[in-house]
Amino acid sequence: MALAAFMIFEWINLGFNLADGHPTAFYVVHGVLIAVNIILALVLGTIGVRAWKRGRP
């Protein structure tokens, strides 16, 4: 769950910190990377929460 939270924070932070002046392809590639990593973080977070709930009595 910590990894998922870190990934979401890091990739959203990167998205806001992209500087202007790059070619459009740069933004498309980084936008896809951000979207894929946020989806992966949500999947990992869901797995982590389910495992944590299952481990509790």
C-alpha atoms as a PDB file:
ATOM      1  CA  MET A   1       0.000   0.000   0.000  1.00  0.00           C
ATOM      2  CA  ALA A   2       2.938   2.303   0.707  1.00  0.00           C
ATOM      3  CA  LEU A   3       4.345   1.650  -2.765  1.00  0.00           C
ATOM      4  CA  ALA A   4       0.987   2.467  -4.344  1.00  0.00           C
ATOM      5  CA  ALA A   5       0.750   5.736  -2.397  1.00  0.00           C
ATOM      6  CA  PHE A   6       4.312   6.657  -3.351  1.00  0.00           C
ATOM      7  CA  MET A   7       3.702   5.896  -7.030  1.00  0.00           C
ATOM      8  CA  ILE A   8       0.581   8.046  -7.153  1.00  0.00           C
ATOM      9  CA  PHE A   9       2.307  10.932  -5.367  1.00  0.00           C
ATOM     10  CA  GLU A  10       5.451  10.718  -7.500  1.00  0.00           C
ATOM     11  CA  TRP A  11       3.783  10.478 -10.893  1.00  0.00           C
ATOM     12  CA  ILE A  12       1.224  13.203 -10.208  1.00  0.00           C
ATOM     13  CA  ASN A  13       4.069  15.396  -8.962  1.00  0.00           C
ATOM     14  CA  LEU A  14       6.008  14.683 -12.159  1.00  0.00           C
ATOM     15  CA  GLY A  15       2.964  15.588 -14.228  1.00  0.00           C
ATOM     16  CA  PHE A  16       2.730  19.002 -12.574  1.00  0.00           C
ATOM     17  CA  ASN A  17       6.474  19.619 -12.883  1.00  0.00           C
ATOM     18  CA  LEU A  18       6.796  19.059 -16.612  1.00  0.00           C
ATOM     19  CA  ALA A  19       8.174  22.265 -18.096  1.00  0.00           C
ATOM     20  CA  ASP A  20       6.764  23.926 -21.182  1.00  0.00           C
ATOM     21  CA  GLY A  21       8.637  24.021 -24.441  1.00  0.00           C
ATOM     22  CA  HIS A  22       8.926  20.326 -25.253  1.00  0.00           C
ATOM     23  CA  PRO A  23       7.627  18.709 -28.432  1.00  0.00           C
ATOM     24  CA  THR A  24       4.136  17.243 -28.326  1.00  0.00           C
ATOM     25  CA  ALA A  25       5.511  13.677 -28.439  1.00  0.00           C
ATOM     26  CA  PHE A  26       7.287  14.309 -25.121  1.00  0.00           C
ATOM     27  CA  TYR A  27       4.001  15.163 -23.426  1.00  0.00           C
ATOM     28  CA  VAL A  28       2.164  12.248 -25.047  1.00  0.00           C
ATOM     29  CA  VAL A  29       4.782   9.739 -23.892  1.00  0.00           C
ATOM     30  CA  HIS A  30       4.920  11.136 -20.364  1.00  0.00           C
ATOM     31  CA  GLY A  31       1.127  11.334 -20.204  1.00  0.00           C
ATOM     32  CA  VAL A  32       0.902   7.652 -21.115  1.00  0.00           C
ATOM     33  CA  LEU A  33       3.599   6.783 -18.554  1.00  0.00           C
ATOM     34  CA  ILE A  34       1.765   8.720 -15.862  1.00  0.00           C
ATOM     35  CA  ALA A  35      -1.586   7.110 -16.692  1.00  0.00           C
ATOM     36  CA  VAL A  36      -0.169   3.569 -16.771  1.00  0.00           C
ATOM     37  CA  ASN A  37       1.713   4.018 -13.501  1.00  0.00           C
ATOM     38  CA  ILE A  38      -1.311   5.479 -11.721  1.00  0.00           C
ATOM     39  CA  ILE A  39      -3.409   2.515 -12.906  1.00  0.00           C
ATOM     40  CA  LEU A  40      -0.705   0.129 -11.662  1.00  0.00           C
ATOM     41  CA  ALA A  41      -0.620   1.959  -8.331  1.00  0.00           C
ATOM     42  CA  LEU A  42      -4.391   1.632  -7.967  1.00  0.00           C
ATOM     43  CA  VAL A  43      -4.203  -2.093  -8.737  1.00  0.00           C
ATOM     44  CA  LEU A  44      -1.358  -2.583  -6.229  1.00  0.00           C
ATOM     45  CA  GLY A  45      -3.233  -0.556  -3.629  1.00  0.00           C
ATOM     46  CA  THR A  46      -6.374  -2.651  -4.129  1.00  0.00           C
ATOM     47  CA  ILE A  47      -4.393  -5.869  -3.764  1.00  0.00           C
ATOM     48  CA  GLY A  48      -2.696  -4.508  -0.651  1.00  0.00           C
ATOM     49  CA  VAL A  49      -5.958  -3.461   0.995  1.00  0.00           C
ATOM     50  CA  ARG A  50      -7.605  -6.804   0.228  1.00  0.00           C
ATOM     51  CA  ALA A  51      -4.618  -8.713   1.628  1.00  0.00           C
ATOM     52  CA  TRP A  52      -4.550  -6.532   4.734  1.00  0.00           C
ATOM     53  CA  LYS A  53      -8.273  -7.079   5.366  1.00  0.00           C
ATOM     54  CA  ARG A  54      -7.958 -10.830   4.792  1.00  0.00           C
ATOM     55  CA  GLY A  55      -5.097 -11.100   7.259  1.00  0.00           C
ATOM     56  CA  ARG A  56      -7.099  -9.540  10.083  1.00  0.00           C
ATOM     57  CA  PRO A  57      -9.275 -11.801  12.284  1.00  0.00           C
END
